[in-house]
Amino acid sequence: MNYDPVNIKSKLALFDERWSPRVIAEMNDYQFKLAKAEGEFVWHDHPDTDEVFIVIEGELVIEFRDGSVTLNPGEMFVIPKGVEHKPFAKGLVHILLVEPKGVVNTGDAGGSLTAENDIWV
C-alpha cells in the first residue's frame, strides 16, 4: 500500500490540455479525475451514471436545457445520469471529477473534444 497523499496542485501542473481529464486515483470502480477547462464544451449526457463536478479553482457554469448552475472554488454539483448538460468556463477553471472508470467525457455525443480515457498523471 502507498501512504503518499495525492497532491492536487502538483498533479495539475503536469498537464495543460483543456477538457482532457487525467486520472489521479481510483476507489472501487470509480475514478477521481482532474481537468482544466476553458471555453465551451459540448451538449452531452451519461445515460448510465451520475457525474460529480468539484471546482478547485476558477468558475464553472454547467448549462442544462432548463437552467444552469454556477460553481465556484470549493463547490460541487452532482449531475444525475441521463441529464443533458454543457459545461462552460469563461476563464481557466480546475475541476475534480468523480465518475465510474471508463466514462467518456463527451458521453455519446463524440466530436473533437472527446478525450482519450484512463490517462493517469
PDB file of N, CA and C in Angstrom:
ATOM      1  N   MET A   1       0.837  -1.186   0.000  1.00  0.00           N
ATOM      2  CA  MET A   1       0.000   0.000   0.000  1.00  0.00           C
ATOM      3  C   MET A   1       0.880   1.248   0.000  1.00  0.00           C
ATOM      4  N   ASN A   2       0.444   2.244  -0.748  1.00  0.00           N
ATOM      5  CA  ASN A   2       1.163   3.515  -0.836  1.00  0.00           C
ATOM      6  C   ASN A   2       0.560   4.503   0.158  1.00  0.00           C
ATOM      7  N   TYR A   3       1.386   5.091   1.007  1.00  0.00           N
ATOM      8  CA  TYR A   3       0.897   6.031   2.020  1.00  0.00           C
ATOM      9  C   TYR A   3       1.180   7.481   1.662  1.00  0.00           C
ATOM     10  N   ASP A   4       1.520   7.741   0.415  1.00  0.00           N
ATOM     11  CA  ASP A   4       1.765   9.112  -0.026  1.00  0.00           C
ATOM     12  C   ASP A   4       0.448   9.771  -0.422  1.00  0.00           C
ATOM     13  N   PRO A   5       0.201  10.982   0.062  1.00  0.00           N
ATOM     14  CA  PRO A   5      -1.021  11.684  -0.347  1.00  0.00           C
ATOM     15  C   PRO A   5      -0.911  12.134  -1.803  1.00  0.00           C
ATOM     16  N   VAL A   6      -2.048  12.321  -2.440  1.00  0.00           N
ATOM     17  CA  VAL A   6      -2.086  12.859  -3.800  1.00  0.00           C
ATOM     18  C   VAL A   6      -2.132  14.376  -3.681  1.00  0.00           C
ATOM     19  N   ASN A   7      -1.145  15.039  -4.260  1.00  0.00           N
ATOM     20  CA  ASN A   7      -1.098  16.499  -4.222  1.00  0.00           C
ATOM     21  C   ASN A   7      -1.767  17.035  -5.486  1.00  0.00           C
ATOM     22  N   ILE A   8      -2.958  17.565  -5.318  1.00  0.00           N
ATOM     23  CA  ILE A   8      -3.750  18.018  -6.463  1.00  0.00           C
ATOM     24  C   ILE A   8      -3.048  19.134  -7.224  1.00  0.00           C
ATOM     25  N   LYS A   9      -2.477  20.085  -6.524  1.00  0.00           N
ATOM     26  CA  LYS A   9      -1.790  21.201  -7.182  1.00  0.00           C
ATOM     27  C   LYS A   9      -0.627  20.696  -8.041  1.00  0.00           C
ATOM     28  N   SER A  10       0.152  19.760  -7.507  1.00  0.00           N
ATOM     29  CA  SER A  10       1.276  19.197  -8.269  1.00  0.00           C
ATOM     30  C   SER A  10       0.793  18.428  -9.491  1.00  0.00           C
ATOM     31  N   LYS A  11      -0.291  17.695  -9.343  1.00  0.00           N
ATOM     32  CA  LYS A  11      -0.840  16.931 -10.471  1.00  0.00           C
ATOM     33  C   LYS A  11      -1.347  17.868 -11.568  1.00  0.00           C
ATOM     34  N   LEU A  12      -1.987  18.971 -11.179  1.00  0.00           N
ATOM     35  CA  LEU A  12      -2.479  19.938 -12.169  1.00  0.00           C
ATOM     36  C   LEU A  12      -1.338  20.561 -12.969  1.00  0.00           C
ATOM     37  N   ALA A  13      -0.171  20.673 -12.365  1.00  0.00           N
ATOM     38  CA  ALA A  13       0.984  21.268 -13.048  1.00  0.00           C
ATOM     39  C   ALA A  13       1.569  20.349 -14.124  1.00  0.00           C
ATOM     40  N   LEU A  14       1.138  19.098 -14.164  1.00  0.00           N
ATOM     41  CA  LEU A  14       1.705  18.123 -15.095  1.00  0.00           C
ATOM     42  C   LEU A  14       1.063  18.113 -16.480  1.00  0.00           C
ATOM     43  N   PHE A  15      -0.018  18.876 -16.670  1.00  0.00           N
ATOM     44  CA  PHE A  15      -0.661  18.906 -17.990  1.00  0.00           C
ATOM     45  C   PHE A  15      -1.328  20.258 -18.217  1.00  0.00           C
ATOM     46  N   ASP A  16      -1.523  20.584 -19.495  1.00  0.00           N
ATOM     47  CA  ASP A  16      -2.145  21.859 -19.869  1.00  0.00           C
ATOM     48  C   ASP A  16      -3.379  21.697 -20.748  1.00  0.00           C
ATOM     49  N   GLU A  17      -3.617  20.516 -21.278  1.00  0.00           N
ATOM     50  CA  GLU A  17      -4.732  20.306 -22.195  1.00  0.00           C
ATOM     51  C   GLU A  17      -6.059  20.665 -21.528  1.00  0.00           C
ATOM     52  N   ARG A  18      -6.941  21.284 -22.325  1.00  0.00           N
ATOM     53  CA  ARG A  18      -8.273  21.642 -21.842  1.00  0.00           C
ATOM     54  C   ARG A  18      -9.257  20.526 -22.170  1.00  0.00           C
ATOM     55  N   TRP A  19     -10.192  20.312 -21.274  1.00  0.00           N
ATOM     56  CA  TRP A  19     -11.272  19.333 -21.447  1.00  0.00           C
ATOM     57  C   TRP A  19     -10.736  17.918 -21.652  1.00  0.00           C
ATOM     58  N   SER A  20      -9.613  17.606 -21.054  1.00  0.00           N
ATOM     59  CA  SER A  20      -8.993  16.292 -21.206  1.00  0.00           C
ATOM     60  C   SER A  20      -8.646  15.734 -19.827  1.00  0.00           C
ATOM     61  N   PRO A  21      -9.615  15.109 -19.152  1.00  0.00           N
ATOM     62  CA  PRO A  21      -9.427  14.656 -17.770  1.00  0.00           C
ATOM     63  C   PRO A  21      -8.261  13.685 -17.600  1.00  0.00           C
ATOM     64  N   ARG A  22      -7.593  13.804 -16.452  1.00  0.00           N
ATOM     65  CA  ARG A  22      -6.479  12.932 -16.086  1.00  0.00           C
ATOM     66  C   ARG A  22      -6.800  12.250 -14.754  1.00  0.00           C
ATOM     67  N   VAL A  23      -6.605  10.958 -14.706  1.00  0.00           N
ATOM     68  CA  VAL A  23      -6.904  10.176 -13.505  1.00  0.00           C
ATOM     69  C   VAL A  23      -5.815  10.390 -12.462  1.00  0.00           C
ATOM     70  N   ILE A  24      -6.250  10.624 -11.208  1.00  0.00           N
ATOM     71  CA  ILE A  24      -5.283  10.764 -10.112  1.00  0.00           C
ATOM     72  C   ILE A  24      -5.474   9.710  -9.024  1.00  0.00           C
ATOM     73  N   ALA A  25      -6.623   9.023  -9.029  1.00  0.00           N
ATOM     74  CA  ALA A  25      -6.873   7.994  -8.015  1.00  0.00           C
ATOM     75  C   ALA A  25      -8.070   7.153  -8.430  1.00  0.00           C
ATOM     76  N   GLU A  26      -8.144   5.957  -7.843  1.00  0.00           N
ATOM     77  CA  GLU A  26      -9.302   5.087  -8.040  1.00  0.00           C
ATOM     78  C   GLU A  26      -9.811   4.606  -6.692  1.00  0.00           C
ATOM     79  N   MET A  27     -11.121   4.416  -6.623  1.00  0.00           N
ATOM     80  CA  MET A  27     -11.759   3.861  -5.434  1.00  0.00           C
ATOM     81  C   MET A  27     -12.846   2.915  -5.925  1.00  0.00           C
ATOM     82  N   ASN A  28     -12.689   1.649  -5.653  1.00  0.00           N
ATOM     83  CA  ASN A  28     -13.593   0.640  -6.193  1.00  0.00           C
ATOM     84  C   ASN A  28     -13.626   0.799  -7.712  1.00  0.00           C
ATOM     85  N   ASP A  29     -14.780   1.006  -8.303  1.00  0.00           N
ATOM     86  CA  ASP A  29     -14.863   1.164  -9.759  1.00  0.00           C
ATOM     87  C   ASP A  29     -14.927   2.625 -10.174  1.00  0.00           C
ATOM     88  N   TYR A  30     -14.645   3.534  -9.253  1.00  0.00           N
ATOM     89  CA  TYR A  30     -14.710   4.971  -9.543  1.00  0.00           C
ATOM     90  C   TYR A  30     -13.323   5.572  -9.715  1.00  0.00           C
ATOM     91  N   GLN A  31     -13.257   6.601 -10.554  1.00  0.00           N
ATOM     92  CA  GLN A  31     -12.007   7.331 -10.749  1.00  0.00           C
ATOM     93  C   GLN A  31     -12.185   8.785 -10.331  1.00  0.00           C
ATOM     94  N   PHE A  32     -11.123   9.344  -9.794  1.00  0.00           N
ATOM     95  CA  PHE A  32     -11.032  10.764  -9.485  1.00  0.00           C
ATOM     96  C   PHE A  32     -10.170  11.363 -10.586  1.00  0.00           C
ATOM     97  N   LYS A  33     -10.733  12.326 -11.315  1.00  0.00           N
ATOM     98  CA  LYS A  33     -10.045  12.885 -12.478  1.00  0.00           C
ATOM     99  C   LYS A  33      -9.914  14.394 -12.342  1.00  0.00           C
ATOM    100  N   LEU A  34      -8.736  14.901 -12.674  1.00  0.00           N
ATOM    101  CA  LEU A  34      -8.530  16.343 -12.736  1.00  0.00           C
ATOM    102  C   LEU A  34      -8.696  16.788 -14.179  1.00  0.00           C
ATOM    103  N   ALA A  35      -9.272  17.967 -14.344  1.00  0.00           N
ATOM    104  CA  ALA A  35      -9.410  18.535 -15.682  1.00  0.00           C
ATOM    105  C   ALA A  35      -9.205  20.037 -15.614  1.00  0.00           C
ATOM    106  N   LYS A  36      -8.655  20.559 -16.683  1.00  0.00           N
ATOM    107  CA  LYS A  36      -8.582  22.006 -16.886  1.00  0.00           C
ATOM    108  C   LYS A  36      -9.580  22.318 -17.993  1.00  0.00           C
ATOM    109  N   ALA A  37     -10.360  23.352 -17.790  1.00  0.00           N
ATOM    110  CA  ALA A  37     -11.388  23.683 -18.769  1.00  0.00           C
ATOM    111  C   ALA A  37     -11.374  25.171 -19.050  1.00  0.00           C
ATOM    112  N   GLU A  38     -11.717  25.502 -20.285  1.00  0.00           N
ATOM    113  CA  GLU A  38     -11.823  26.904 -20.693  1.00  0.00           C
ATOM    114  C   GLU A  38     -12.647  26.945 -21.973  1.00  0.00           C
ATOM    115  N   GLY A  39     -13.622  27.837 -22.027  1.00  0.00           N
ATOM    116  CA  GLY A  39     -14.496  27.927 -23.185  1.00  0.00           C
ATOM    117  C   GLY A  39     -15.670  26.970 -23.058  1.00  0.00           C
ATOM    118  N   GLU A  40     -16.282  26.675 -24.204  1.00  0.00           N
ATOM    119  CA  GLU A  40     -17.475  25.828 -24.215  1.00  0.00           C
ATOM    120  C   GLU A  40     -17.137  24.369 -24.469  1.00  0.00           C
ATOM    121  N   PHE A  41     -17.913  23.506 -23.836  1.00  0.00           N
ATOM    122  CA  PHE A  41     -17.848  22.075 -24.100  1.00  0.00           C
ATOM    123  C   PHE A  41     -19.042  21.731 -24.990  1.00  0.00           C
ATOM    124  N   VAL A  42     -19.364  20.468 -25.137  1.00  0.00           N
ATOM    125  CA  VAL A  42     -20.478  20.044 -25.986  1.00  0.00           C
ATOM    126  C   VAL A  42     -21.659  19.590 -25.129  1.00  0.00           C
ATOM    127  N   TRP A  43     -22.855  19.711 -25.686  1.00  0.00           N
ATOM    128  CA  TRP A  43     -24.026  19.127 -25.036  1.00  0.00           C
ATOM    129  C   TRP A  43     -23.854  17.616 -25.043  1.00  0.00           C
ATOM    130  N   HIS A  44     -24.052  16.999 -23.882  1.00  0.00           N
ATOM    131  CA  HIS A  44     -23.930  15.546 -23.791  1.00  0.00           C
ATOM    132  C   HIS A  44     -24.615  15.060 -22.521  1.00  0.00           C
ATOM    133  N   ASP A  45     -24.735  13.757 -22.409  1.00  0.00           N
ATOM    134  CA  ASP A  45     -25.211  13.160 -21.164  1.00  0.00           C
ATOM    135  C   ASP A  45     -24.473  11.846 -20.951  1.00  0.00           C
ATOM    136  N   HIS A  46     -24.683  11.286 -19.780  1.00  0.00           N
ATOM    137  CA  HIS A  46     -24.115   9.983 -19.440  1.00  0.00           C
ATOM    138  C   HIS A  46     -25.305   9.112 -19.020  1.00  0.00           C
ATOM    139  N   PRO A  47     -25.819   8.284 -19.931  1.00  0.00           N
ATOM    140  CA  PRO A  47     -27.061   7.561 -19.668  1.00  0.00           C
ATOM    141  C   PRO A  47     -26.993   6.533 -18.543  1.00  0.00           C
ATOM    142  N   ASP A  48     -25.783   6.101 -18.175  1.00  0.00           N
ATOM    143  CA  ASP A  48     -25.664   5.028 -17.191  1.00  0.00           C
ATOM    144  C   ASP A  48     -25.082   5.445 -15.850  1.00  0.00           C
ATOM    145  N   THR A  49     -24.729   6.723 -15.679  1.00  0.00           N
ATOM    146  CA  THR A  49     -24.081   7.109 -14.426  1.00  0.00           C
ATOM    147  C   THR A  49     -24.264   8.583 -14.104  1.00  0.00           C
ATOM    148  N   ASP A  50     -24.260   8.875 -12.812  1.00  0.00           N
ATOM    149  CA  ASP A  50     -24.185  10.254 -12.350  1.00  0.00           C
ATOM    150  C   ASP A  50     -22.753  10.737 -12.565  1.00  0.00           C
ATOM    151  N   GLU A  51     -22.571  12.059 -12.489  1.00  0.00           N
ATOM    152  CA  GLU A  51     -21.241  12.654 -12.642  1.00  0.00           C
ATOM    153  C   GLU A  51     -21.102  13.771 -11.614  1.00  0.00           C
ATOM    154  N   VAL A  52     -19.959  13.824 -10.940  1.00  0.00           N
ATOM    155  CA  VAL A  52     -19.714  14.844  -9.918  1.00  0.00           C
ATOM    156  C   VAL A  52     -18.657  15.827 -10.416  1.00  0.00           C
ATOM    157  N   PHE A  53     -18.977  17.119 -10.333  1.00  0.00           N
ATOM    158  CA  PHE A  53     -18.039  18.201 -10.635  1.00  0.00           C
ATOM    159  C   PHE A  53     -17.701  18.910  -9.333  1.00  0.00           C
ATOM    160  N   ILE A  54     -16.417  19.036  -9.017  1.00  0.00           N
ATOM    161  CA  ILE A  54     -15.948  19.797  -7.859  1.00  0.00           C
ATOM    162  C   ILE A  54     -14.970  20.837  -8.389  1.00  0.00           C
ATOM    163  N   VAL A  55     -15.258  22.115  -8.150  1.00  0.00           N
ATOM    164  CA  VAL A  55     -14.385  23.175  -8.649  1.00  0.00           C
ATOM    165  C   VAL A  55     -13.283  23.438  -7.632  1.00  0.00           C
ATOM    166  N   ILE A  56     -12.046  23.389  -8.114  1.00  0.00           N
ATOM    167  CA  ILE A  56     -10.874  23.651  -7.284  1.00  0.00           C
ATOM    168  C   ILE A  56     -10.458  25.109  -7.408  1.00  0.00           C
ATOM    169  N   GLU A  57     -10.461  25.599  -8.642  1.00  0.00           N
ATOM    170  CA  GLU A  57     -10.044  26.984  -8.911  1.00  0.00           C
ATOM    171  C   GLU A  57     -10.809  27.494 -10.121  1.00  0.00           C
ATOM    172  N   GLY A  58     -11.232  28.751 -10.079  1.00  0.00           N
ATOM    173  CA  GLY A  58     -11.959  29.346 -11.194  1.00  0.00           C
ATOM    174  C   GLY A  58     -13.462  29.227 -11.014  1.00  0.00           C
ATOM    175  N   GLU A  59     -14.185  29.457 -12.103  1.00  0.00           N
ATOM    176  CA  GLU A  59     -15.651  29.404 -12.078  1.00  0.00           C
ATOM    177  C   GLU A  59     -16.143  28.558 -13.240  1.00  0.00           C
ATOM    178  N   LEU A  60     -17.045  27.638 -12.952  1.00  0.00           N
ATOM    179  CA  LEU A  60     -17.609  26.750 -13.961  1.00  0.00           C
ATOM    180  C   LEU A  60     -19.116  26.927 -13.997  1.00  0.00           C
ATOM    181  N   VAL A  61     -19.651  27.118 -15.187  1.00  0.00           N
ATOM    182  CA  VAL A  61     -21.096  27.149 -15.385  1.00  0.00           C
ATOM    183  C   VAL A  61     -21.482  25.847 -16.075  1.00  0.00           C
ATOM    184  N   ILE A  62     -22.477  25.167 -15.537  1.00  0.00           N
ATOM    185  CA  ILE A  62     -23.000  23.968 -16.181  1.00  0.00           C
ATOM    186  C   ILE A  62     -24.409  24.303 -16.643  1.00  0.00           C
ATOM    187  N   GLU A  63     -24.590  24.292 -17.945  1.00  0.00           N
ATOM    188  CA  GLU A  63     -25.893  24.610 -18.526  1.00  0.00           C
ATOM    189  C   GLU A  63     -26.706  23.331 -18.686  1.00  0.00           C
ATOM    190  N   PHE A  64     -27.998  23.469 -18.447  1.00  0.00           N
ATOM    191  CA  PHE A  64     -28.963  22.397 -18.662  1.00  0.00           C
ATOM    192  C   PHE A  64     -30.014  22.930 -19.626  1.00  0.00           C
ATOM    193  N   ARG A  65     -30.832  22.086 -20.175  1.00  0.00           N
ATOM    194  CA  ARG A  65     -31.852  22.539 -21.120  1.00  0.00           C
ATOM    195  C   ARG A  65     -32.869  23.464 -20.449  1.00  0.00           C
ATOM    196  N   ASP A  66     -33.001  23.369 -19.122  1.00  0.00           N
ATOM    197  CA  ASP A  66     -33.996  24.177 -18.420  1.00  0.00           C
ATOM    198  C   ASP A  66     -33.404  25.098 -17.352  1.00  0.00           C
ATOM    199  N   GLY A  67     -32.086  25.355 -17.410  1.00  0.00           N
ATOM    200  CA  GLY A  67     -31.462  26.228 -16.413  1.00  0.00           C
ATOM    201  C   GLY A  67     -29.962  26.037 -16.389  1.00  0.00           C
ATOM    202  N   SER A  68     -29.332  26.538 -15.331  1.00  0.00           N
ATOM    203  CA  SER A  68     -27.880  26.398 -15.201  1.00  0.00           C
ATOM    204  C   SER A  68     -27.489  26.494 -13.735  1.00  0.00           C
ATOM    205  N   VAL A  69     -26.267  26.067 -13.445  1.00  0.00           N
ATOM    206  CA  VAL A  69     -25.694  26.199 -12.107  1.00  0.00           C
ATOM    207  C   VAL A  69     -24.283  26.749 -12.270  1.00  0.00           C
ATOM    208  N   THR A  70     -23.895  27.658 -11.382  1.00  0.00           N
ATOM    209  CA  THR A  70     -22.550  28.226 -11.381  1.00  0.00           C
ATOM    210  C   THR A  70     -21.814  27.702 -10.161  1.00  0.00           C
ATOM    211  N   LEU A  71     -20.630  27.144 -10.392  1.00  0.00           N
ATOM    212  CA  LEU A  71     -19.810  26.587  -9.316  1.00  0.00           C
ATOM    213  C   LEU A  71     -18.543  27.403  -9.154  1.00  0.00           C
ATOM    214  N   ASN A  72     -18.238  27.731  -7.909  1.00  0.00           N
ATOM    215  CA  ASN A  72     -17.024  28.451  -7.543  1.00  0.00           C
ATOM    216  C   ASN A  72     -16.120  27.523  -6.747  1.00  0.00           C
ATOM    217  N   PRO A  73     -14.874  27.924  -6.469  1.00  0.00           N
ATOM    218  CA  PRO A  73     -13.959  27.059  -5.722  1.00  0.00           C
ATOM    219  C   PRO A  73     -14.585  26.541  -4.424  1.00  0.00           C
ATOM    220  N   GLY A  74     -14.428  25.240  -4.217  1.00  0.00           N
ATOM    221  CA  GLY A  74     -14.961  24.607  -3.021  1.00  0.00           C
ATOM    222  C   GLY A  74     -16.401  24.149  -3.157  1.00  0.00           C
ATOM    223  N   GLU A  75     -17.005  24.360  -4.331  1.00  0.00           N
ATOM    224  CA  GLU A  75     -18.389  23.934  -4.539  1.00  0.00           C
ATOM    225  C   GLU A  75     -18.436  22.732  -5.474  1.00  0.00           C
ATOM    226  N   MET A  76     -19.485  21.923  -5.298  1.00  0.00           N
ATOM    227  CA  MET A  76     -19.650  20.729  -6.123  1.00  0.00           C
ATOM    228  C   MET A  76     -21.093  20.596  -6.560  1.00  0.00           C
ATOM    229  N   PHE A  77     -21.291  19.787  -7.592  1.00  0.00           N
ATOM    230  CA  PHE A  77     -22.635  19.530  -8.095  1.00  0.00           C
ATOM    231  C   PHE A  77     -22.672  18.122  -8.673  1.00  0.00           C
ATOM    232  N   VAL A  78     -23.750  17.401  -8.376  1.00  0.00           N
ATOM    233  CA  VAL A  78     -23.941  16.058  -8.914  1.00  0.00           C
ATOM    234  C   VAL A  78     -24.952  16.136 -10.056  1.00  0.00           C
ATOM    235  N   ILE A  79     -24.542  15.694 -11.227  1.00  0.00           N
ATOM    236  CA  ILE A  79     -25.437  15.652 -12.380  1.00  0.00           C
ATOM    237  C   ILE A  79     -25.990  14.231 -12.478  1.00  0.00           C
ATOM    238  N   PRO A  80     -27.306  14.083 -12.340  1.00  0.00           N
ATOM    239  CA  PRO A  80     -27.896  12.746 -12.406  1.00  0.00           C
ATOM    240  C   PRO A  80     -27.719  12.106 -13.783  1.00  0.00           C
ATOM    241  N   LYS A  81     -27.652  10.797 -13.786  1.00  0.00           N
ATOM    242  CA  LYS A  81     -27.493  10.081 -15.055  1.00  0.00           C
ATOM    243  C   LYS A  81     -28.623  10.454 -16.012  1.00  0.00           C
ATOM    244  N   GLY A  82     -28.250  10.555 -17.291  1.00  0.00           N
ATOM    245  CA  GLY A  82     -29.221  10.841 -18.326  1.00  0.00           C
ATOM    246  C   GLY A  82     -29.587  12.303 -18.505  1.00  0.00           C
ATOM    247  N   VAL A  83     -29.075  13.195 -17.655  1.00  0.00           N
ATOM    248  CA  VAL A  83     -29.403  14.621 -17.767  1.00  0.00           C
ATOM    249  C   VAL A  83     -28.422  15.294 -18.720  1.00  0.00           C
ATOM    250  N   GLU A  84     -28.944  15.882 -19.780  1.00  0.00           N
ATOM    251  CA  GLU A  84     -28.101  16.553 -20.759  1.00  0.00           C
ATOM    252  C   GLU A  84     -27.537  17.838 -20.157  1.00  0.00           C
ATOM    253  N   HIS A  85     -26.246  18.057 -20.383  1.00  0.00           N
ATOM    254  CA  HIS A  85     -25.586  19.230 -19.807  1.00  0.00           C
ATOM    255  C   HIS A  85     -24.443  19.688 -20.703  1.00  0.00           C
ATOM    256  N   LYS A  86     -24.042  20.949 -20.491  1.00  0.00           N
ATOM    257  CA  LYS A  86     -22.928  21.521 -21.259  1.00  0.00           C
ATOM    258  C   LYS A  86     -22.125  22.432 -20.333  1.00  0.00           C
ATOM    259  N   PRO A  87     -20.946  21.998 -19.903  1.00  0.00           N
ATOM    260  CA  PRO A  87     -20.085  22.852 -19.081  1.00  0.00           C
ATOM    261  C   PRO A  87     -19.514  24.009 -19.900  1.00  0.00           C
ATOM    262  N   PHE A  88     -19.267  25.109 -19.218  1.00  0.00           N
ATOM    263  CA  PHE A  88     -18.707  26.303 -19.844  1.00  0.00           C
ATOM    264  C   PHE A  88     -17.842  27.030 -18.821  1.00  0.00           C
ATOM    265  N   ALA A  89     -16.692  27.507 -19.252  1.00  0.00           N
ATOM    266  CA  ALA A  89     -15.810  28.286 -18.375  1.00  0.00           C
ATOM    267  C   ALA A  89     -15.312  29.501 -19.137  1.00  0.00           C
ATOM    268  N   LYS A  90     -15.666  30.680 -18.647  1.00  0.00           N
ATOM    269  CA  LYS A  90     -15.233  31.923 -19.300  1.00  0.00           C
ATOM    270  C   LYS A  90     -13.715  32.049 -19.240  1.00  0.00           C
ATOM    271  N   GLY A  91     -13.122  31.691 -18.099  1.00  0.00           N
ATOM    272  CA  GLY A  91     -11.675  31.671 -17.920  1.00  0.00           C
ATOM    273  C   GLY A  91     -11.242  30.270 -17.537  1.00  0.00           C
ATOM    274  N   LEU A  92      -9.978  30.091 -17.281  1.00  0.00           N
ATOM    275  CA  LEU A  92      -9.455  28.778 -16.902  1.00  0.00           C
ATOM    276  C   LEU A  92     -10.047  28.330 -15.566  1.00  0.00           C
ATOM    277  N   VAL A  93     -10.494  27.092 -15.523  1.00  0.00           N
ATOM    278  CA  VAL A  93     -11.029  26.502 -14.296  1.00  0.00           C
ATOM    279  C   VAL A  93     -10.389  25.129 -14.098  1.00  0.00           C
ATOM    280  N   HIS A  94     -10.127  24.790 -12.838  1.00  0.00           N
ATOM    281  CA  HIS A  94      -9.600  23.475 -12.479  1.00  0.00           C
ATOM    282  C   HIS A  94     -10.721  22.700 -11.796  1.00  0.00           C
ATOM    283  N   ILE A  95     -10.940  21.486 -12.255  1.00  0.00           N
ATOM    284  CA  ILE A  95     -12.077  20.684 -11.811  1.00  0.00           C
ATOM    285  C   ILE A  95     -11.602  19.310 -11.352  1.00  0.00           C
ATOM    286  N   LEU A  96     -12.246  18.789 -10.312  1.00  0.00           N
ATOM    287  CA  LEU A  96     -12.092  17.393  -9.915  1.00  0.00           C
ATOM    288  C   LEU A  96     -13.399  16.693 -10.271  1.00  0.00           C
ATOM    289  N   LEU A  97     -13.306  15.654 -11.084  1.00  0.00           N
ATOM    290  CA  LEU A  97     -14.470  14.865 -11.487  1.00  0.00           C
ATOM    291  C   LEU A  97     -14.435  13.531 -10.769  1.00  0.00           C
ATOM    292  N   VAL A  98     -15.602  13.042 -10.389  1.00  0.00           N
ATOM    293  CA  VAL A  98     -15.711  11.710  -9.798  1.00  0.00           C
ATOM    294  C   VAL A  98     -16.751  10.961 -10.615  1.00  0.00           C
ATOM    295  N   GLU A  99     -16.312   9.859 -11.227  1.00  0.00           N
ATOM    296  CA  GLU A  99     -17.204   9.095 -12.091  1.00  0.00           C
ATOM    297  C   GLU A  99     -16.655   7.681 -12.250  1.00  0.00           C
ATOM    298  N   PRO A 100     -17.500   6.746 -12.683  1.00  0.00           N
ATOM    299  CA  PRO A 100     -17.020   5.378 -12.857  1.00  0.00           C
ATOM    300  C   PRO A 100     -15.916   5.277 -13.911  1.00  0.00           C
ATOM    301  N   LYS A 101     -15.054   4.331 -13.718  1.00  0.00           N
ATOM    302  CA  LYS A 101     -13.986   4.066 -14.678  1.00  0.00           C
ATOM    303  C   LYS A 101     -14.597   3.795 -16.050  1.00  0.00           C
ATOM    304  N   GLY A 102     -13.995   4.378 -17.085  1.00  0.00           N
ATOM    305  CA  GLY A 102     -14.433   4.136 -18.447  1.00  0.00           C
ATOM    306  C   GLY A 102     -15.422   5.145 -19.000  1.00  0.00           C
ATOM    307  N   VAL A 103     -15.881   6.087 -18.176  1.00  0.00           N
ATOM    308  CA  VAL A 103     -16.826   7.089 -18.666  1.00  0.00           C
ATOM    309  C   VAL A 103     -16.123   8.002 -19.669  1.00  0.00           C
ATOM    310  N   VAL A 104     -16.750   8.209 -20.821  1.00  0.00           N
ATOM    311  CA  VAL A 104     -16.207   9.084 -21.863  1.00  0.00           C
ATOM    312  C   VAL A 104     -16.671  10.507 -21.586  1.00  0.00           C
ATOM    313  N   ASN A 105     -15.753  11.457 -21.654  1.00  0.00           N
ATOM    314  CA  ASN A 105     -16.074  12.838 -21.266  1.00  0.00           C
ATOM    315  C   ASN A 105     -17.210  13.456 -22.071  1.00  0.00           C
ATOM    316  N   THR A 106     -17.389  13.060 -23.318  1.00  0.00           N
ATOM    317  CA  THR A 106     -18.458  13.619 -24.150  1.00  0.00           C
ATOM    318  C   THR A 106     -19.681  12.705 -24.230  1.00  0.00           C
ATOM    319  N   GLY A 107     -19.738  11.679 -23.387  1.00  0.00           N
ATOM    320  CA  GLY A 107     -20.850  10.737 -23.460  1.00  0.00           C
ATOM    321  C   GLY A 107     -20.917  10.122 -24.845  1.00  0.00           C
ATOM    322  N   ASP A 108     -22.123  10.058 -25.415  1.00  0.00           N
ATOM    323  CA  ASP A 108     -22.295   9.517 -26.767  1.00  0.00           C
ATOM    324  C   ASP A 108     -22.241  10.604 -27.833  1.00  0.00           C
ATOM    325  N   ALA A 109     -22.020  11.864 -27.428  1.00  0.00           N
ATOM    326  CA  ALA A 109     -22.030  12.987 -28.377  1.00  0.00           C
ATOM    327  C   ALA A 109     -20.837  12.951 -29.326  1.00  0.00           C
ATOM    328  N   GLY A 110     -19.693  12.454 -28.838  1.00  0.00           N
ATOM    329  CA  GLY A 110     -18.496  12.398 -29.673  1.00  0.00           C
ATOM    330  C   GLY A 110     -17.987  13.779 -30.039  1.00  0.00           C
ATOM    331  N   GLY A 111     -17.164  13.839 -31.073  1.00  0.00           N
ATOM    332  CA  GLY A 111     -16.641  15.110 -31.547  1.00  0.00           C
ATOM    333  C   GLY A 111     -15.191  15.336 -31.180  1.00  0.00           C
ATOM    334  N   SER A 112     -14.690  16.502 -31.551  1.00  0.00           N
ATOM    335  CA  SER A 112     -13.271  16.820 -31.390  1.00  0.00           C
ATOM    336  C   SER A 112     -12.842  16.967 -29.934  1.00  0.00           C
ATOM    337  N   LEU A 113     -13.784  17.163 -29.011  1.00  0.00           N
ATOM    338  CA  LEU A 113     -13.425  17.314 -27.601  1.00  0.00           C
ATOM    339  C   LEU A 113     -13.426  15.993 -26.836  1.00  0.00           C
ATOM    340  N   THR A 114     -13.720  14.891 -27.527  1.00  0.00           N
ATOM    341  CA  THR A 114     -13.668  13.589 -26.869  1.00  0.00           C
ATOM    342  C   THR A 114     -12.220  13.281 -26.508  1.00  0.00           C
ATOM    343  N   ALA A 115     -11.986  13.053 -25.227  1.00  0.00           N
ATOM    344  CA  ALA A 115     -10.626  12.823 -24.729  1.00  0.00           C
ATOM    345  C   ALA A 115     -10.330  11.333 -24.629  1.00  0.00           C
ATOM    346  N   GLU A 116      -9.064  11.006 -24.771  1.00  0.00           N
ATOM    347  CA  GLU A 116      -8.622   9.636 -24.532  1.00  0.00           C
ATOM    348  C   GLU A 116      -8.906   9.309 -23.073  1.00  0.00           C
ATOM    349  N   ASN A 117      -9.349   8.100 -22.830  1.00  0.00           N
ATOM    350  CA  ASN A 117      -9.772   7.713 -21.492  1.00  0.00           C
ATOM    351  C   ASN A 117      -8.637   7.046 -20.713  1.00  0.00           C
ATOM    352  N   ASP A 118      -8.746   7.097 -19.390  1.00  0.00           N
ATOM    353  CA  ASP A 118      -7.864   6.367 -18.476  1.00  0.00           C
ATOM    354  C   ASP A 118      -6.399   6.800 -18.569  1.00  0.00           C
ATOM    355  N   ILE A 119      -6.158   8.100 -18.729  1.00  0.00           N
ATOM    356  CA  ILE A 119      -4.794   8.630 -18.719  1.00  0.00           C
ATOM    357  C   ILE A 119      -4.488   9.126 -17.309  1.00  0.00           C
ATOM    358  N   TRP A 120      -3.414   8.612 -16.732  1.00  0.00           N
ATOM    359  CA  TRP A 120      -3.019   8.952 -15.364  1.00  0.00           C
ATOM    360  C   TRP A 120      -1.945  10.038 -15.352  1.00  0.00           C
ATOM    361  N   VAL A 121      -1.982  10.863 -14.312  1.00  0.00           N
ATOM    362  CA  VAL A 121      -0.886  11.800 -14.034  1.00  0.00           C
ATOM    363  C   VAL A 121      -0.411  11.551 -12.626  1.00  0.00           C
TER     364      VAL A 121
END
